[in-house]
Amino acid sequence: MNQTRILIADDHELVRRGIRQTIEGHPTYEVVGEAVNGREAVELTAKLDPDLVILDLSMPEMSGLEALREIVKRSLRAKVLVVSMHDSEALIHEVLASGAKGYLLKSDAARDLLTAIESLSEGRTFFTAKVSQTLLENFLNGNTPKRPDERSRLTAREQEVVRLLADGKTNKEVAGLLHISVRTVETHRSNIMEKLDIHSVTDLILYAIRAGLKDPSE
């Protein structure tokens, strides 16, 4: 049985201890390290190569948001689950646009942490209930990419790519699942963004929900 190797990044020792205790009760999850600030989170992610980083946004030296962007920019393979006490719409969009695969409110962590880890470990995204509500409200208010018309309708292959990207898959993972090259995935992704006039992962996820390619409850 494969272990999911996890790095915990939070500047509060009690929070790290609580997360570690929750994780260590699960037979397939292993805590490989702890970071106390954003800079250390980036350094330990590069050094330890975890499968998943549980990342607080409010940390010294380098904020969690900056650390997230650095991890994504360096193309480190770890999926990032952001854990925060903040639920502002602007911050949610910024976090998702920066490359996080999940967003969990600290107030929901006791109930949803293991579910969130499982979702990201299986290549899916995870949004805490409040975040899902915010995304759906945007969708219902029309603040999402429009359903494709005749000029921007996606091909069947492009729809497959959208579904997988919205589920949190990397370009390399999409390529493997569809048995195509990474370059081809990148081309599809570029064409999709151009056709739909969208510019972020958040918009892609919202489009996938609107087009019926992703279940909004996931």
Protein backbone atom coordinates (compact mmCIF):
# COMPACT_ATOMS: atom_id res chain seq x y z
CA MET A 1 0.00 0.00 0.00
CA ASN A 2 1.52 3.33 -1.07
CA GLN A 3 2.13 5.94 1.62
CA THR A 4 1.11 9.57 1.08
CA ARG A 5 4.05 11.62 2.35
CA ILE A 6 2.94 14.88 3.94
CA LEU A 7 4.68 18.10 4.98
CA ILE A 8 2.94 20.32 7.55
CA ALA A 9 3.65 24.08 7.33
CA ASP A 10 2.22 26.23 10.14
CA ASP A 11 3.93 28.60 12.57
CA HIS A 12 1.81 27.46 15.54
CA GLU A 13 3.17 24.39 17.30
CA LEU A 14 -0.22 23.37 18.72
CA VAL A 15 -1.76 23.45 15.24
CA ARG A 16 1.07 21.37 13.77
CA ARG A 17 0.76 18.90 16.62
CA GLY A 18 -3.00 18.56 16.13
CA ILE A 19 -2.64 18.00 12.39
CA ARG A 20 0.15 15.48 12.93
CA GLN A 21 -1.90 13.52 15.47
CA THR A 22 -4.87 13.39 13.08
CA ILE A 23 -2.70 12.24 10.17
CA GLU A 24 -0.68 9.70 12.11
CA GLY A 25 -3.86 7.85 13.01
CA HIS A 26 -4.28 6.97 9.34
CA PRO A 27 -2.34 3.91 8.10
CA THR A 28 -1.45 5.28 4.64
CA TYR A 29 -0.42 8.84 5.61
CA GLU A 30 3.05 9.74 6.83
CA VAL A 31 4.29 13.11 8.12
CA VAL A 32 7.79 13.59 6.71
CA GLY A 33 8.47 17.07 8.06
CA GLU A 34 7.24 20.30 9.64
CA ALA A 35 7.91 23.89 8.58
CA VAL A 36 7.44 26.91 10.84
CA ASN A 37 7.48 29.62 8.15
CA GLY A 38 6.86 30.04 4.43
CA ARG A 39 10.51 30.01 3.42
CA GLU A 40 11.13 26.76 5.27
CA ALA A 41 8.02 25.29 3.65
CA VAL A 42 9.50 25.90 0.20
CA GLU A 43 12.93 24.59 1.21
CA LEU A 44 11.58 21.43 2.86
CA THR A 45 9.25 20.74 -0.06
CA ALA A 46 12.27 20.79 -2.37
CA LYS A 47 14.37 18.71 0.02
CA LEU A 48 11.83 16.10 1.16
CA ASP A 49 9.75 15.84 -2.04
CA PRO A 50 6.42 15.18 -0.25
CA ASP A 51 3.24 14.19 -2.06
CA LEU A 52 1.22 16.81 -0.21
CA VAL A 53 1.90 20.07 1.62
CA ILE A 54 -0.60 21.29 4.22
CA LEU A 55 0.08 25.03 4.13
CA ASP A 56 -1.12 27.81 6.43
CA LEU A 57 -1.45 31.20 4.76
CA SER A 58 -0.44 33.38 7.71
CA MET A 59 3.23 32.67 8.42
CA PRO A 60 6.38 34.74 9.07
CA GLU A 61 9.34 35.40 6.74
CA MET A 62 7.39 34.33 3.65
CA SER A 63 3.60 34.19 3.61
CA GLY A 64 1.80 30.98 2.75
CA LEU A 65 0.57 32.57 -0.47
CA GLU A 66 4.12 33.47 -1.51
CA ALA A 67 5.29 29.99 -0.55
CA LEU A 68 2.50 28.45 -2.63
CA ARG A 69 3.52 30.47 -5.67
CA GLU A 70 7.17 29.53 -5.19
CA ILE A 71 6.37 25.82 -4.91
CA VAL A 72 4.29 25.99 -8.10
CA LYS A 73 6.88 28.13 -9.92
CA ARG A 74 9.62 25.63 -9.12
CA SER A 75 7.43 22.89 -10.59
CA LEU A 76 7.67 20.88 -7.39
CA ARG A 77 5.31 17.94 -7.68
CA ALA A 78 3.68 18.27 -4.27
CA LYS A 79 -0.01 19.14 -4.24
CA VAL A 80 -0.82 21.98 -1.87
CA LEU A 81 -3.76 22.01 0.55
CA VAL A 82 -4.17 25.52 1.95
CA VAL A 83 -5.53 25.70 5.49
CA SER A 84 -6.68 29.14 6.61
CA MET A 85 -8.97 30.94 9.03
CA HIS A 86 -9.90 33.41 6.28
CA ASP A 87 -12.79 32.91 3.85
CA SER A 88 -12.82 36.13 1.84
CA GLU A 89 -13.83 35.70 -1.79
CA ALA A 90 -10.79 37.62 -3.07
CA LEU A 91 -8.38 35.45 -1.09
CA ILE A 92 -10.06 32.22 -2.21
CA HIS A 93 -9.69 33.22 -5.86
CA GLU A 94 -6.08 34.31 -5.33
CA VAL A 95 -5.16 31.02 -3.66
CA LEU A 96 -6.77 28.88 -6.36
CA ALA A 97 -5.31 31.01 -9.15
CA SER A 98 -1.86 30.55 -7.56
CA GLY A 99 -2.05 26.77 -7.89
CA ALA A 100 -3.51 25.30 -4.70
CA LYS A 101 -5.45 22.07 -5.19
CA GLY A 102 -7.50 22.45 -2.03
CA TYR A 103 -8.74 25.08 0.43
CA LEU A 104 -9.80 24.12 3.95
CA LEU A 105 -10.98 26.49 6.67
CA LYS A 106 -9.35 25.86 10.04
CA SER A 107 -12.82 25.84 11.60
CA ASP A 108 -13.62 22.79 9.43
CA ALA A 109 -10.27 21.02 9.83
CA ALA A 110 -11.31 18.65 12.62
CA ARG A 111 -14.14 17.35 10.45
CA ASP A 112 -12.73 17.57 6.94
CA LEU A 113 -8.93 17.29 7.11
CA LEU A 114 -8.71 13.58 6.29
CA THR A 115 -11.32 13.92 3.54
CA ALA A 116 -9.32 16.78 2.01
CA ILE A 117 -6.08 14.78 2.14
CA GLU A 118 -7.79 11.80 0.54
CA SER A 119 -9.20 13.95 -2.27
CA LEU A 120 -5.84 15.50 -3.13
CA SER A 121 -4.06 12.15 -2.80
CA GLU A 122 -6.43 10.68 -5.38
CA GLY A 123 -5.87 13.56 -7.81
CA ARG A 124 -9.05 15.48 -7.02
CA THR A 125 -9.52 18.99 -5.66
CA PHE A 126 -11.12 19.78 -2.31
CA PHE A 127 -12.94 22.92 -1.22
CA THR A 128 -14.25 23.46 2.29
CA ALA A 129 -18.03 24.04 2.41
CA LYS A 130 -17.72 27.84 2.59
CA VAL A 131 -15.38 27.93 -0.41
CA SER A 132 -17.71 25.70 -2.45
CA GLN A 133 -20.57 28.01 -1.53
CA THR A 134 -18.60 31.06 -2.68
CA LEU A 135 -17.71 29.43 -6.00
CA LEU A 136 -21.31 28.35 -6.56
CA GLU A 137 -22.64 31.82 -5.73
CA ASN A 138 -20.30 33.26 -8.35
CA PHE A 139 -21.56 30.64 -10.78
CA LEU A 140 -25.23 31.40 -10.03
CA ASN A 141 -24.61 35.14 -10.28
CA GLY A 142 -23.07 34.65 -13.71
CA ASN A 143 -19.53 35.55 -12.62
CA THR A 144 -18.12 32.55 -14.47
CA PRO A 145 -17.10 31.79 -18.02
CA LYS A 146 -20.16 31.41 -20.21
CA ARG A 147 -21.31 28.10 -21.59
CA PRO A 148 -19.51 27.61 -24.90
CA ASP A 149 -21.25 28.82 -28.03
CA GLU A 150 -20.71 27.54 -31.57
CA ARG A 151 -17.48 29.49 -31.93
CA SER A 152 -15.92 28.30 -28.68
CA ARG A 153 -17.35 24.79 -28.32
CA LEU A 154 -14.68 22.41 -27.09
CA THR A 155 -13.81 19.18 -28.81
CA ALA A 156 -14.35 15.89 -26.94
CA ARG A 157 -10.62 15.68 -26.20
CA GLU A 158 -10.54 19.27 -24.93
CA GLN A 159 -13.45 18.47 -22.62
CA GLU A 160 -11.47 15.52 -21.24
CA VAL A 161 -8.52 17.82 -20.62
CA VAL A 162 -10.73 20.40 -18.87
CA ARG A 163 -12.27 17.74 -16.61
CA LEU A 164 -8.87 16.39 -15.56
CA LEU A 165 -7.32 19.82 -15.02
CA ALA A 166 -10.33 20.91 -12.97
CA ASP A 167 -9.84 17.79 -10.84
CA GLY A 168 -6.37 19.02 -9.98
CA LYS A 169 -4.28 16.92 -12.38
CA THR A 170 -0.97 18.32 -13.61
CA ASN A 171 -0.15 18.51 -17.31
CA LYS A 172 2.07 15.44 -16.92
CA GLU A 173 -0.69 13.49 -15.16
CA VAL A 174 -3.21 14.44 -17.85
CA ALA A 175 -0.77 13.31 -20.52
CA GLY A 176 -0.36 9.94 -18.83
CA LEU A 177 -4.08 9.37 -18.37
CA LEU A 178 -4.91 10.31 -21.97
CA HIS A 179 -1.81 8.65 -23.47
CA ILE A 180 -0.65 11.83 -25.17
CA SER A 181 2.48 13.98 -24.81
CA VAL A 182 2.86 16.77 -22.27
CA ARG A 183 3.38 19.17 -25.18
CA THR A 184 0.01 18.12 -26.62
CA VAL A 185 -1.66 18.74 -23.25
CA GLU A 186 -0.06 22.19 -23.11
CA THR A 187 -1.38 22.92 -26.60
CA HIS A 188 -4.88 21.77 -25.63
CA ARG A 189 -4.73 23.87 -22.47
CA SER A 190 -3.69 26.97 -24.39
CA ASN A 191 -6.46 26.44 -26.97
CA ILE A 192 -9.04 25.90 -24.23
CA MET A 193 -8.06 29.10 -22.43
CA GLU A 194 -8.21 31.05 -25.69
CA LYS A 195 -11.56 29.59 -26.79
CA LEU A 196 -13.22 30.24 -23.44
CA ASP A 197 -11.39 33.50 -22.70
CA ILE A 198 -10.40 32.32 -19.23
CA HIS A 199 -7.12 33.01 -17.49
CA SER A 200 -6.92 31.12 -14.20
CA VAL A 201 -7.45 27.73 -12.60
CA THR A 202 -10.41 29.18 -10.70
CA ASP A 203 -12.17 30.15 -13.93
CA LEU A 204 -11.39 26.75 -15.42
CA ILE A 205 -12.97 24.99 -12.44
CA LEU A 206 -16.03 27.22 -12.59
CA TYR A 207 -16.38 26.58 -16.32
CA ALA A 208 -16.13 22.83 -15.70
CA ILE A 209 -18.94 23.07 -13.12
CA ARG A 210 -21.11 25.12 -15.47
CA ALA A 211 -20.50 22.77 -18.39
CA GLY A 212 -21.29 19.70 -16.31
CA LEU A 213 -17.71 18.41 -16.46
CA LYS A 214 -17.19 18.62 -12.68
CA ASP A 215 -19.44 17.96 -9.71
CA PRO A 216 -19.53 21.21 -7.63
CA SER A 217 -19.69 19.16 -4.40
CA GLU A 218 -16.25 17.62 -5.04
